[in-house]
Amino acid sequence: MSNIRRFYNYGNRYFVTCVAHKRTPILVNNARLLLDSIDTVAGELSLDIHAYVILPDHFHMLIDPKNANLSGAIRKIKLRFSTRFKAANELPAGRTWQNRFWDHVIRDERDY
C-alpha cells in the first residue's frame, strides 16, 4: 500500500471525492443517510461544508475542515454512513466505500 501524503493547512478549503465500493450505486437512494452523517460529523468537528453533490456511486464535497484533520473527518463521515446504511438495509458486515478519498486544495476564488 502506498503512503499517501496530504497537505493540510489551516484555512484551506478542499474539494473531496468519495466513491462507493466497486462503484455500487447506493448513494442516491440513501442520500438522507449520507446527509445526516455529514451533518452530524460537521457538527461534532465544527466543519464548514460549502457544497456537495451526491451521485449514484460517489459524492463530491467542498469542505473547510478548520481545526479538524481532513482525513479523520472523511473517515468519520464514511464510517457513520456505513453503520447507518447497513443497519437500515439489514446488511451483514462488509465494505461500503473504496479505500481512501481524492482531495484537491482550493487555491483561489477562481478554483473555488
PDB file of N, CA and C in Angstrom:
ATOM      1  N   MET A   1       0.852  -1.177   0.000  1.00  0.00           N
ATOM      2  CA  MET A   1       0.000   0.000   0.000  1.00  0.00           C
ATOM      3  C   MET A   1       0.894   1.235   0.000  1.00  0.00           C
ATOM      4  N   SER A   2       0.523   2.205  -0.781  1.00  0.00           N
ATOM      5  CA  SER A   2       1.317   3.428  -0.864  1.00  0.00           C
ATOM      6  C   SER A   2       1.102   4.309   0.361  1.00  0.00           C
ATOM      7  N   ASN A   3       2.051   5.158   0.604  1.00  0.00           N
ATOM      8  CA  ASN A   3       1.969   6.091   1.720  1.00  0.00           C
ATOM      9  C   ASN A   3       1.541   7.452   1.162  1.00  0.00           C
ATOM     10  N   ILE A   4       0.238   7.716   1.190  1.00  0.00           N
ATOM     11  CA  ILE A   4      -0.275   8.978   0.651  1.00  0.00           C
ATOM     12  C   ILE A   4      -0.010  10.088   1.648  1.00  0.00           C
ATOM     13  N   ARG A   5       0.530  11.174   1.156  1.00  0.00           N
ATOM     14  CA  ARG A   5       0.771  12.336   1.998  1.00  0.00           C
ATOM     15  C   ARG A   5      -0.164  13.443   1.557  1.00  0.00           C
ATOM     16  N   ARG A   6      -0.851  14.011   2.503  1.00  0.00           N
ATOM     17  CA  ARG A   6      -1.796  15.075   2.203  1.00  0.00           C
ATOM     18  C   ARG A   6      -1.272  16.368   2.811  1.00  0.00           C
ATOM     19  N   PHE A   7      -1.479  17.450   2.116  1.00  0.00           N
ATOM     20  CA  PHE A   7      -1.041  18.758   2.570  1.00  0.00           C
ATOM     21  C   PHE A   7      -2.197  19.445   3.285  1.00  0.00           C
ATOM     22  N   TYR A   8      -2.053  19.618   4.586  1.00  0.00           N
ATOM     23  CA  TYR A   8      -3.072  20.299   5.371  1.00  0.00           C
ATOM     24  C   TYR A   8      -2.543  21.627   5.855  1.00  0.00           C
ATOM     25  N   ASN A   9      -3.385  22.637   5.768  1.00  0.00           N
ATOM     26  CA  ASN A   9      -3.016  23.947   6.256  1.00  0.00           C
ATOM     27  C   ASN A   9      -4.287  24.618   6.750  1.00  0.00           C
ATOM     28  N   TYR A  10      -4.227  25.202   7.918  1.00  0.00           N
ATOM     29  CA  TYR A  10      -5.399  25.874   8.475  1.00  0.00           C
ATOM     30  C   TYR A  10      -5.911  26.919   7.491  1.00  0.00           C
ATOM     31  N   GLY A  11      -7.204  26.931   7.280  1.00  0.00           N
ATOM     32  CA  GLY A  11      -7.825  27.911   6.397  1.00  0.00           C
ATOM     33  C   GLY A  11      -8.005  27.439   4.968  1.00  0.00           C
ATOM     34  N   ASN A  12      -7.418  26.284   4.618  1.00  0.00           N
ATOM     35  CA  ASN A  12      -7.607  25.754   3.271  1.00  0.00           C
ATOM     36  C   ASN A  12      -8.988  25.135   3.132  1.00  0.00           C
ATOM     37  N   ARG A  13      -9.529  25.267   1.937  1.00  0.00           N
ATOM     38  CA  ARG A  13     -10.755  24.557   1.581  1.00  0.00           C
ATOM     39  C   ARG A  13     -10.346  23.441   0.621  1.00  0.00           C
ATOM     40  N   TYR A  14     -11.126  22.367   0.610  1.00  0.00           N
ATOM     41  CA  TYR A  14     -10.791  21.206  -0.191  1.00  0.00           C
ATOM     42  C   TYR A  14     -11.998  20.743  -0.997  1.00  0.00           C
ATOM     43  N   PHE A  15     -11.718  20.253  -2.194  1.00  0.00           N
ATOM     44  CA  PHE A  15     -12.697  19.545  -2.996  1.00  0.00           C
ATOM     45  C   PHE A  15     -12.403  18.074  -2.777  1.00  0.00           C
ATOM     46  N   VAL A  16     -13.389  17.324  -2.277  1.00  0.00           N
ATOM     47  CA  VAL A  16     -13.197  15.929  -1.887  1.00  0.00           C
ATOM     48  C   VAL A  16     -14.146  15.042  -2.685  1.00  0.00           C
ATOM     49  N   THR A  17     -13.665  13.874  -3.075  1.00  0.00           N
ATOM     50  CA  THR A  17     -14.493  12.869  -3.728  1.00  0.00           C
ATOM     51  C   THR A  17     -14.350  11.552  -2.986  1.00  0.00           C
ATOM     52  N   CYS A  18     -15.485  10.931  -2.654  1.00  0.00           N
ATOM     53  CA  CYS A  18     -15.517   9.613  -2.014  1.00  0.00           C
ATOM     54  C   CYS A  18     -16.353   8.693  -2.892  1.00  0.00           C
ATOM     55  N   VAL A  19     -15.876   7.468  -3.111  1.00  0.00           N
ATOM     56  CA  VAL A  19     -16.511   6.540  -4.042  1.00  0.00           C
ATOM     57  C   VAL A  19     -16.951   5.277  -3.310  1.00  0.00           C
ATOM     58  N   ALA A  20     -18.161   4.817  -3.618  1.00  0.00           N
ATOM     59  CA  ALA A  20     -18.686   3.577  -3.040  1.00  0.00           C
ATOM     60  C   ALA A  20     -17.871   2.377  -3.525  1.00  0.00           C
ATOM     61  N   HIS A  21     -17.795   1.361  -2.689  1.00  0.00           N
ATOM     62  CA  HIS A  21     -17.054   0.138  -3.013  1.00  0.00           C
ATOM     63  C   HIS A  21     -17.581  -0.458  -4.324  1.00  0.00           C
ATOM     64  N   LYS A  22     -16.661  -0.751  -5.226  1.00  0.00           N
ATOM     65  CA  LYS A  22     -16.978  -1.303  -6.547  1.00  0.00           C
ATOM     66  C   LYS A  22     -17.976  -0.435  -7.316  1.00  0.00           C
ATOM     67  N   ARG A  23     -18.007   0.846  -6.959  1.00  0.00           N
ATOM     68  CA  ARG A  23     -18.907   1.820  -7.602  1.00  0.00           C
ATOM     69  C   ARG A  23     -20.366   1.368  -7.578  1.00  0.00           C
ATOM     70  N   THR A  24     -20.741   0.732  -6.487  1.00  0.00           N
ATOM     71  CA  THR A  24     -22.119   0.291  -6.317  1.00  0.00           C
ATOM     72  C   THR A  24     -23.017   1.515  -6.166  1.00  0.00           C
ATOM     73  N   PRO A  25     -24.100   1.608  -6.929  1.00  0.00           N
ATOM     74  CA  PRO A  25     -24.962   2.807  -6.898  1.00  0.00           C
ATOM     75  C   PRO A  25     -25.923   2.818  -5.704  1.00  0.00           C
ATOM     76  N   ILE A  26     -25.380   3.107  -4.521  1.00  0.00           N
ATOM     77  CA  ILE A  26     -26.190   3.071  -3.291  1.00  0.00           C
ATOM     78  C   ILE A  26     -26.509   4.454  -2.723  1.00  0.00           C
ATOM     79  N   LEU A  27     -25.864   5.485  -3.222  1.00  0.00           N
ATOM     80  CA  LEU A  27     -25.929   6.769  -2.523  1.00  0.00           C
ATOM     81  C   LEU A  27     -27.199   7.569  -2.775  1.00  0.00           C
ATOM     82  N   VAL A  28     -27.698   7.612  -3.988  1.00  0.00           N
ATOM     83  CA  VAL A  28     -28.877   8.434  -4.272  1.00  0.00           C
ATOM     84  C   VAL A  28     -30.082   7.945  -3.475  1.00  0.00           C
ATOM     85  N   ASN A  29     -30.282   6.630  -3.433  1.00  0.00           N
ATOM     86  CA  ASN A  29     -31.418   6.082  -2.682  1.00  0.00           C
ATOM     87  C   ASN A  29     -31.235   6.187  -1.173  1.00  0.00           C
ATOM     88  N   ASN A  30     -30.035   6.488  -0.739  1.00  0.00           N
ATOM     89  CA  ASN A  30     -29.733   6.639   0.683  1.00  0.00           C
ATOM     90  C   ASN A  30     -29.138   8.008   0.972  1.00  0.00           C
ATOM     91  N   ALA A  31     -29.528   8.991   0.183  1.00  0.00           N
ATOM     92  CA  ALA A  31     -28.974  10.344   0.318  1.00  0.00           C
ATOM     93  C   ALA A  31     -29.244  10.933   1.694  1.00  0.00           C
ATOM     94  N   ARG A  32     -30.420  10.688   2.244  1.00  0.00           N
ATOM     95  CA  ARG A  32     -30.750  11.238   3.568  1.00  0.00           C
ATOM     96  C   ARG A  32     -29.781  10.702   4.630  1.00  0.00           C
ATOM     97  N   LEU A  33     -29.444   9.411   4.554  1.00  0.00           N
ATOM     98  CA  LEU A  33     -28.474   8.837   5.499  1.00  0.00           C
ATOM     99  C   LEU A  33     -27.104   9.492   5.340  1.00  0.00           C
ATOM    100  N   LEU A  34     -26.706   9.719   4.099  1.00  0.00           N
ATOM    101  CA  LEU A  34     -25.408  10.362   3.856  1.00  0.00           C
ATOM    102  C   LEU A  34     -25.413  11.799   4.363  1.00  0.00           C
ATOM    103  N   LEU A  35     -26.469  12.542   4.056  1.00  0.00           N
ATOM    104  CA  LEU A  35     -26.545  13.938   4.517  1.00  0.00           C
ATOM    105  C   LEU A  35     -26.582  14.021   6.037  1.00  0.00           C
ATOM    106  N   ASP A  36     -27.320  13.120   6.673  1.00  0.00           N
ATOM    107  CA  ASP A  36     -27.350  13.090   8.142  1.00  0.00           C
ATOM    108  C   ASP A  36     -25.962  12.794   8.707  1.00  0.00           C
ATOM    109  N   SER A  37     -25.243  11.891   8.064  1.00  0.00           N
ATOM    110  CA  SER A  37     -23.889  11.553   8.515  1.00  0.00           C
ATOM    111  C   SER A  37     -22.957  12.746   8.363  1.00  0.00           C
ATOM    112  N   ILE A  38     -23.042  13.428   7.222  1.00  0.00           N
ATOM    113  CA  ILE A  38     -22.211  14.620   7.000  1.00  0.00           C
ATOM    114  C   ILE A  38     -22.550  15.697   8.021  1.00  0.00           C
ATOM    115  N   ASP A  39     -23.840  15.959   8.229  1.00  0.00           N
ATOM    116  CA  ASP A  39     -24.267  16.990   9.182  1.00  0.00           C
ATOM    117  C   ASP A  39     -23.813  16.671  10.602  1.00  0.00           C
ATOM    118  N   THR A  40     -23.945  15.416  11.007  1.00  0.00           N
ATOM    119  CA  THR A  40     -23.555  15.019  12.366  1.00  0.00           C
ATOM    120  C   THR A  40     -22.063  15.222  12.590  1.00  0.00           C
ATOM    121  N   VAL A  41     -21.251  14.732  11.657  1.00  0.00           N
ATOM    122  CA  VAL A  41     -19.796  14.863  11.798  1.00  0.00           C
ATOM    123  C   VAL A  41     -19.379  16.328  11.688  1.00  0.00           C
ATOM    124  N   ALA A  42     -20.015  17.069  10.792  1.00  0.00           N
ATOM    125  CA  ALA A  42     -19.698  18.502  10.668  1.00  0.00           C
ATOM    126  C   ALA A  42     -19.971  19.223  11.979  1.00  0.00           C
ATOM    127  N   GLY A  43     -21.060  18.868  12.650  1.00  0.00           N
ATOM    128  CA  GLY A  43     -21.374  19.471  13.943  1.00  0.00           C
ATOM    129  C   GLY A  43     -20.383  19.073  15.023  1.00  0.00           C
ATOM    130  N   GLU A  44     -20.008  17.807  15.049  1.00  0.00           N
ATOM    131  CA  GLU A  44     -19.063  17.313  16.055  1.00  0.00           C
ATOM    132  C   GLU A  44     -17.685  17.957  15.909  1.00  0.00           C
ATOM    133  N   LEU A  45     -17.238  18.140  14.668  1.00  0.00           N
ATOM    134  CA  LEU A  45     -15.878  18.627  14.419  1.00  0.00           C
ATOM    135  C   LEU A  45     -15.822  20.095  13.993  1.00  0.00           C
ATOM    136  N   SER A  46     -16.959  20.760  13.945  1.00  0.00           N
ATOM    137  CA  SER A  46     -17.049  22.163  13.508  1.00  0.00           C
ATOM    138  C   SER A  46     -16.511  22.364  12.094  1.00  0.00           C
ATOM    139  N   LEU A  47     -16.899  21.481  11.195  1.00  0.00           N
ATOM    140  CA  LEU A  47     -16.501  21.594   9.792  1.00  0.00           C
ATOM    141  C   LEU A  47     -17.426  22.572   9.089  1.00  0.00           C
ATOM    142  N   ASP A  48     -16.919  23.246   8.077  1.00  0.00           N
ATOM    143  CA  ASP A  48     -17.766  24.059   7.203  1.00  0.00           C
ATOM    144  C   ASP A  48     -17.924  23.305   5.892  1.00  0.00           C
ATOM    145  N   ILE A  49     -19.157  22.919   5.587  1.00  0.00           N
ATOM    146  CA  ILE A  49     -19.460  22.265   4.318  1.00  0.00           C
ATOM    147  C   ILE A  49     -20.006  23.347   3.402  1.00  0.00           C
ATOM    148  N   HIS A  50     -19.278  23.686   2.345  1.00  0.00           N
ATOM    149  CA  HIS A  50     -19.680  24.758   1.433  1.00  0.00           C
ATOM    150  C   HIS A  50     -20.652  24.272   0.372  1.00  0.00           C
ATOM    151  N   ALA A  51     -20.469  23.047  -0.099  1.00  0.00           N
ATOM    152  CA  ALA A  51     -21.336  22.498  -1.144  1.00  0.00           C
ATOM    153  C   ALA A  51     -21.103  20.994  -1.226  1.00  0.00           C
ATOM    154  N   TYR A  52     -22.069  20.297  -1.800  1.00  0.00           N
ATOM    155  CA  TYR A  52     -21.916  18.864  -2.041  1.00  0.00           C
ATOM    156  C   TYR A  52     -22.822  18.476  -3.200  1.00  0.00           C
ATOM    157  N   VAL A  53     -22.502  17.354  -3.793  1.00  0.00           N
ATOM    158  CA  VAL A  53     -23.364  16.741  -4.801  1.00  0.00           C
ATOM    159  C   VAL A  53     -23.273  15.234  -4.588  1.00  0.00           C
ATOM    160  N   ILE A  54     -24.427  14.594  -4.587  1.00  0.00           N
ATOM    161  CA  ILE A  54     -24.489  13.148  -4.383  1.00  0.00           C
ATOM    162  C   ILE A  54     -24.901  12.505  -5.708  1.00  0.00           C
ATOM    163  N   LEU A  55     -24.065  11.607  -6.181  1.00  0.00           N
ATOM    164  CA  LEU A  55     -24.313  10.853  -7.405  1.00  0.00           C
ATOM    165  C   LEU A  55     -24.540   9.395  -7.009  1.00  0.00           C
ATOM    166  N   PRO A  56     -24.989   8.559  -7.921  1.00  0.00           N
ATOM    167  CA  PRO A  56     -25.321   7.187  -7.530  1.00  0.00           C
ATOM    168  C   PRO A  56     -24.203   6.424  -6.813  1.00  0.00           C
ATOM    169  N   ASP A  57     -22.955   6.575  -7.273  1.00  0.00           N
ATOM    170  CA  ASP A  57     -21.877   5.767  -6.700  1.00  0.00           C
ATOM    171  C   ASP A  57     -20.756   6.570  -6.037  1.00  0.00           C
ATOM    172  N   HIS A  58     -20.892   7.881  -5.954  1.00  0.00           N
ATOM    173  CA  HIS A  58     -19.885   8.707  -5.284  1.00  0.00           C
ATOM    174  C   HIS A  58     -20.481  10.060  -4.926  1.00  0.00           C
ATOM    175  N   PHE A  59     -19.748  10.782  -4.083  1.00  0.00           N
ATOM    176  CA  PHE A  59     -20.170  12.153  -3.780  1.00  0.00           C
ATOM    177  C   PHE A  59     -18.966  13.076  -3.799  1.00  0.00           C
ATOM    178  N   HIS A  60     -19.246  14.343  -4.074  1.00  0.00           N
ATOM    179  CA  HIS A  60     -18.248  15.404  -4.051  1.00  0.00           C
ATOM    180  C   HIS A  60     -18.646  16.377  -2.953  1.00  0.00           C
ATOM    181  N   MET A  61     -17.653  17.018  -2.366  1.00  0.00           N
ATOM    182  CA  MET A  61     -17.928  17.965  -1.296  1.00  0.00           C
ATOM    183  C   MET A  61     -16.850  19.043  -1.290  1.00  0.00           C
ATOM    184  N   LEU A  62     -17.265  20.291  -1.092  1.00  0.00           N
ATOM    185  CA  LEU A  62     -16.346  21.392  -0.814  1.00  0.00           C
ATOM    186  C   LEU A  62     -16.377  21.600   0.688  1.00  0.00           C
ATOM    187  N   ILE A  63     -15.226  21.463   1.325  1.00  0.00           N
ATOM    188  CA  ILE A  63     -15.176  21.445   2.781  1.00  0.00           C
ATOM    189  C   ILE A  63     -14.009  22.278   3.297  1.00  0.00           C
ATOM    190  N   ASP A  64     -14.263  22.962   4.398  1.00  0.00           N
ATOM    191  CA  ASP A  64     -13.211  23.637   5.162  1.00  0.00           C
ATOM    192  C   ASP A  64     -13.165  22.924   6.506  1.00  0.00           C
ATOM    193  N   PRO A  65     -12.137  22.116   6.747  1.00  0.00           N
ATOM    194  CA  PRO A  65     -12.091  21.355   7.992  1.00  0.00           C
ATOM    195  C   PRO A  65     -11.723  22.179   9.225  1.00  0.00           C
ATOM    196  N   LYS A  66     -11.398  23.452   9.025  1.00  0.00           N
ATOM    197  CA  LYS A  66     -10.981  24.321  10.132  1.00  0.00           C
ATOM    198  C   LYS A  66      -9.857  23.662  10.901  1.00  0.00           C
ATOM    199  N   ASN A  67     -10.066  23.353  12.182  1.00  0.00           N
ATOM    200  CA  ASN A  67      -9.014  22.756  13.010  1.00  0.00           C
ATOM    201  C   ASN A  67      -8.976  21.235  12.937  1.00  0.00           C
ATOM    202  N   ALA A  68      -9.953  20.620  12.276  1.00  0.00           N
ATOM    203  CA  ALA A  68     -10.021  19.159  12.212  1.00  0.00           C
ATOM    204  C   ALA A  68      -9.065  18.622  11.151  1.00  0.00           C
ATOM    205  N   ASN A  69      -8.659  17.398  11.322  1.00  0.00           N
ATOM    206  CA  ASN A  69      -7.859  16.690  10.339  1.00  0.00           C
ATOM    207  C   ASN A  69      -8.798  16.218   9.237  1.00  0.00           C
ATOM    208  N   LEU A  70      -8.520  16.585   7.994  1.00  0.00           N
ATOM    209  CA  LEU A  70      -9.410  16.243   6.883  1.00  0.00           C
ATOM    210  C   LEU A  70      -9.585  14.731   6.752  1.00  0.00           C
ATOM    211  N   SER A  71      -8.513  13.976   6.820  1.00  0.00           N
ATOM    212  CA  SER A  71      -8.614  12.516   6.699  1.00  0.00           C
ATOM    213  C   SER A  71      -9.488  11.931   7.798  1.00  0.00           C
ATOM    214  N   GLY A  72      -9.308  12.414   9.006  1.00  0.00           N
ATOM    215  CA  GLY A  72     -10.125  11.932  10.126  1.00  0.00           C
ATOM    216  C   GLY A  72     -11.592  12.279   9.945  1.00  0.00           C
ATOM    217  N   ALA A  73     -11.865  13.471   9.443  1.00  0.00           N
ATOM    218  CA  ALA A  73     -13.249  13.897   9.224  1.00  0.00           C
ATOM    219  C   ALA A  73     -13.917  13.041   8.159  1.00  0.00           C
ATOM    220  N   ILE A  74     -13.238  12.797   7.052  1.00  0.00           N
ATOM    221  CA  ILE A  74     -13.806  11.977   5.984  1.00  0.00           C
ATOM    222  C   ILE A  74     -13.995  10.544   6.473  1.00  0.00           C
ATOM    223  N   ARG A  75     -13.040  10.024   7.224  1.00  0.00           N
ATOM    224  CA  ARG A  75     -13.159   8.677   7.785  1.00  0.00           C
ATOM    225  C   ARG A  75     -14.409   8.573   8.667  1.00  0.00           C
ATOM    226  N   LYS A  76     -14.656   9.597   9.499  1.00  0.00           N
ATOM    227  CA  LYS A  76     -15.837   9.580  10.369  1.00  0.00           C
ATOM    228  C   LYS A  76     -17.134   9.638   9.567  1.00  0.00           C
ATOM    229  N   ILE A  77     -17.168  10.449   8.523  1.00  0.00           N
ATOM    230  CA  ILE A  77     -18.366  10.541   7.679  1.00  0.00           C
ATOM    231  C   ILE A  77     -18.649   9.188   7.026  1.00  0.00           C
ATOM    232  N   LYS A  78     -17.622   8.585   6.447  1.00  0.00           N
ATOM    233  CA  LYS A  78     -17.795   7.303   5.766  1.00  0.00           C
ATOM    234  C   LYS A  78     -18.204   6.206   6.750  1.00  0.00           C
ATOM    235  N   LEU A  79     -17.603   6.178   7.916  1.00  0.00           N
ATOM    236  CA  LEU A  79     -17.942   5.168   8.917  1.00  0.00           C
ATOM    237  C   LEU A  79     -19.373   5.342   9.424  1.00  0.00           C
ATOM    238  N   ARG A  80     -19.758   6.578   9.709  1.00  0.00           N
ATOM    239  CA  ARG A  80     -21.115   6.831  10.201  1.00  0.00           C
ATOM    240  C   ARG A  80     -22.151   6.422   9.158  1.00  0.00           C
ATOM    241  N   PHE A  81     -21.909   6.780   7.887  1.00  0.00           N
ATOM    242  CA  PHE A  81     -22.838   6.382   6.829  1.00  0.00           C
ATOM    243  C   PHE A  81     -22.906   4.860   6.719  1.00  0.00           C
ATOM    244  N   SER A  82     -21.748   4.198   6.703  1.00  0.00           N
ATOM    245  CA  SER A  82     -21.710   2.739   6.563  1.00  0.00           C
ATOM    246  C   SER A  82     -22.515   2.046   7.648  1.00  0.00           C
ATOM    247  N   THR A  83     -22.327   2.494   8.873  1.00  0.00           N
ATOM    248  CA  THR A  83     -23.046   1.896  10.002  1.00  0.00           C
ATOM    249  C   THR A  83     -24.544   2.068   9.843  1.00  0.00           C
ATOM    250  N   ARG A  84     -24.985   3.268   9.523  1.00  0.00           N
ATOM    251  CA  ARG A  84     -26.415   3.541   9.363  1.00  0.00           C
ATOM    252  C   ARG A  84     -26.993   2.833   8.144  1.00  0.00           C
ATOM    253  N   PHE A  85     -26.240   2.809   7.044  1.00  0.00           N
ATOM    254  CA  PHE A  85     -26.691   2.164   5.813  1.00  0.00           C
ATOM    255  C   PHE A  85     -26.900   0.667   6.027  1.00  0.00           C
ATOM    256  N   LYS A  86     -25.933   0.016   6.648  1.00  0.00           N
ATOM    257  CA  LYS A  86     -26.041  -1.428   6.886  1.00  0.00           C
ATOM    258  C   LYS A  86     -27.185  -1.746   7.836  1.00  0.00           C
ATOM    259  N   ALA A  87     -27.371  -0.934   8.873  1.00  0.00           N
ATOM    260  CA  ALA A  87     -28.475  -1.164   9.811  1.00  0.00           C
ATOM    261  C   ALA A  87     -29.822  -0.961   9.126  1.00  0.00           C
ATOM    262  N   ALA A  88     -29.954   0.102   8.352  1.00  0.00           N
ATOM    263  CA  ALA A  88     -31.229   0.407   7.687  1.00  0.00           C
ATOM    264  C   ALA A  88     -31.591  -0.640   6.642  1.00  0.00           C
ATOM    265  N   ASN A  89     -30.598  -1.256   6.023  1.00  0.00           N
ATOM    266  CA  ASN A  89     -30.840  -2.232   4.963  1.00  0.00           C
ATOM    267  C   ASN A  89     -30.588  -3.671   5.405  1.00  0.00           C
ATOM    268  N   GLU A  90     -30.375  -3.852   6.709  1.00  0.00           N
ATOM    269  CA  GLU A  90     -30.141  -5.179   7.295  1.00  0.00           C
ATOM    270  C   GLU A  90     -29.069  -5.957   6.532  1.00  0.00           C
ATOM    271  N   LEU A  91     -27.939  -5.303   6.322  1.00  0.00           N
ATOM    272  CA  LEU A  91     -26.834  -5.914   5.592  1.00  0.00           C
ATOM    273  C   LEU A  91     -25.782  -6.434   6.570  1.00  0.00           C
ATOM    274  N   PRO A  92     -25.100  -7.501   6.193  1.00  0.00           N
ATOM    275  CA  PRO A  92     -24.018  -8.005   7.046  1.00  0.00           C
ATOM    276  C   PRO A  92     -22.794  -7.103   6.939  1.00  0.00           C
ATOM    277  N   ALA A  93     -21.812  -7.420   7.727  1.00  0.00           N
ATOM    278  CA  ALA A  93     -20.557  -6.660   7.662  1.00  0.00           C
ATOM    279  C   ALA A  93     -19.974  -6.767   6.265  1.00  0.00           C
ATOM    280  N   GLY A  94     -19.287  -5.748   5.867  1.00  0.00           N
ATOM    281  CA  GLY A  94     -18.675  -5.732   4.544  1.00  0.00           C
ATOM    282  C   GLY A  94     -18.324  -4.308   4.167  1.00  0.00           C
ATOM    283  N   ARG A  95     -17.684  -4.153   3.046  1.00  0.00           N
ATOM    284  CA  ARG A  95     -17.223  -2.841   2.612  1.00  0.00           C
ATOM    285  C   ARG A  95     -18.362  -2.036   2.012  1.00  0.00           C
ATOM    286  N   THR A  96     -18.337  -0.750   2.285  1.00  0.00           N
ATOM    287  CA  THR A  96     -19.292   0.191   1.703  1.00  0.00           C
ATOM    288  C   THR A  96     -18.567   1.178   0.799  1.00  0.00           C
ATOM    289  N   TRP A  97     -17.337   1.515   1.152  1.00  0.00           N
ATOM    290  CA  TRP A  97     -16.568   2.543   0.441  1.00  0.00           C
ATOM    291  C   TRP A  97     -15.281   1.989  -0.124  1.00  0.00           C
ATOM    292  N   GLN A  98     -14.804   2.616  -1.201  1.00  0.00           N
ATOM    293  CA  GLN A  98     -13.446   2.342  -1.656  1.00  0.00           C
ATOM    294  C   GLN A  98     -12.483   2.908  -0.619  1.00  0.00           C
ATOM    295  N   ASN A  99     -11.291   2.345  -0.558  1.00  0.00           N
ATOM    296  CA  ASN A  99     -10.278   2.883   0.342  1.00  0.00           C
ATOM    297  C   ASN A  99      -9.938   4.313  -0.058  1.00  0.00           C
ATOM    298  N   ARG A 100      -9.617   5.093   0.928  1.00  0.00           N
ATOM    299  CA  ARG A 100      -9.140   6.458   0.734  1.00  0.00           C
ATOM    300  C   ARG A 100     -10.207   7.375   0.146  1.00  0.00           C
ATOM    301  N   PHE A 101      -9.765   8.541  -0.270  1.00  0.00           N
ATOM    302  CA  PHE A 101     -10.595   9.517  -0.951  1.00  0.00           C
ATOM    303  C   PHE A 101      -9.676  10.401  -1.766  1.00  0.00           C
ATOM    304  N   TRP A 102     -10.254  11.137  -2.694  1.00  0.00           N
ATOM    305  CA  TRP A 102      -9.476  12.059  -3.520  1.00  0.00           C
ATOM    306  C   TRP A 102      -9.725  13.462  -3.000  1.00  0.00           C
ATOM    307  N   ASP A 103      -8.664  14.269  -2.892  1.00  0.00           N
ATOM    308  CA  ASP A 103      -8.853  15.652  -2.466  1.00  0.00           C
ATOM    309  C   ASP A 103      -8.009  16.591  -3.315  1.00  0.00           C
ATOM    310  N   HIS A 104      -8.475  17.818  -3.378  1.00  0.00           N
ATOM    311  CA  HIS A 104      -7.794  18.874  -4.117  1.00  0.00           C
ATOM    312  C   HIS A 104      -7.880  20.141  -3.280  1.00  0.00           C
ATOM    313  N   VAL A 105      -6.744  20.764  -3.015  1.00  0.00           N
ATOM    314  CA  VAL A 105      -6.731  22.019  -2.261  1.00  0.00           C
ATOM    315  C   VAL A 105      -7.247  23.134  -3.168  1.00  0.00           C
ATOM    316  N   ILE A 106      -8.224  23.877  -2.682  1.00  0.00           N
ATOM    317  CA  ILE A 106      -8.756  25.020  -3.433  1.00  0.00           C
ATOM    318  C   ILE A 106      -7.734  26.150  -3.291  1.00  0.00           C
ATOM    319  N   ARG A 107      -7.162  26.570  -4.412  1.00  0.00           N
ATOM    320  CA  ARG A 107      -6.065  27.527  -4.391  1.00  0.00           C
ATOM    321  C   ARG A 107      -6.508  28.992  -4.325  1.00  0.00           C
ATOM    322  N   ASP A 108      -7.628  29.287  -4.995  1.00  0.00           N
ATOM    323  CA  ASP A 108      -8.058  30.681  -5.054  1.00  0.00           C
ATOM    324  C   ASP A 108      -9.559  30.718  -5.391  1.00  0.00           C
ATOM    325  N   GLU A 109     -10.100  31.913  -5.504  1.00  0.00           N
ATOM    326  CA  GLU A 109     -11.539  32.051  -5.761  1.00  0.00           C
ATOM    327  C   GLU A 109     -11.933  31.473  -7.115  1.00  0.00           C
ATOM    328  N   ARG A 110     -11.069  31.595  -8.092  1.00  0.00           N
ATOM    329  CA  ARG A 110     -11.376  31.027  -9.409  1.00  0.00           C
ATOM    330  C   ARG A 110     -11.452  29.500  -9.325  1.00  0.00           C
ATOM    331  N   ASP A 111     -10.530  28.894  -8.588  1.00  0.00           N
ATOM    332  CA  ASP A 111     -10.520  27.452  -8.383  1.00  0.00           C
ATOM    333  C   ASP A 111     -11.770  27.028  -7.621  1.00  0.00           C
ATOM    334  N   TYR A 112     -12.188  27.837  -6.663  1.00  0.00           N
ATOM    335  CA  TYR A 112     -13.387  27.547  -5.869  1.00  0.00           C
ATOM    336  C   TYR A 112     -14.620  27.509  -6.762  1.00  0.00           C
TER     337      TYR A 112
END
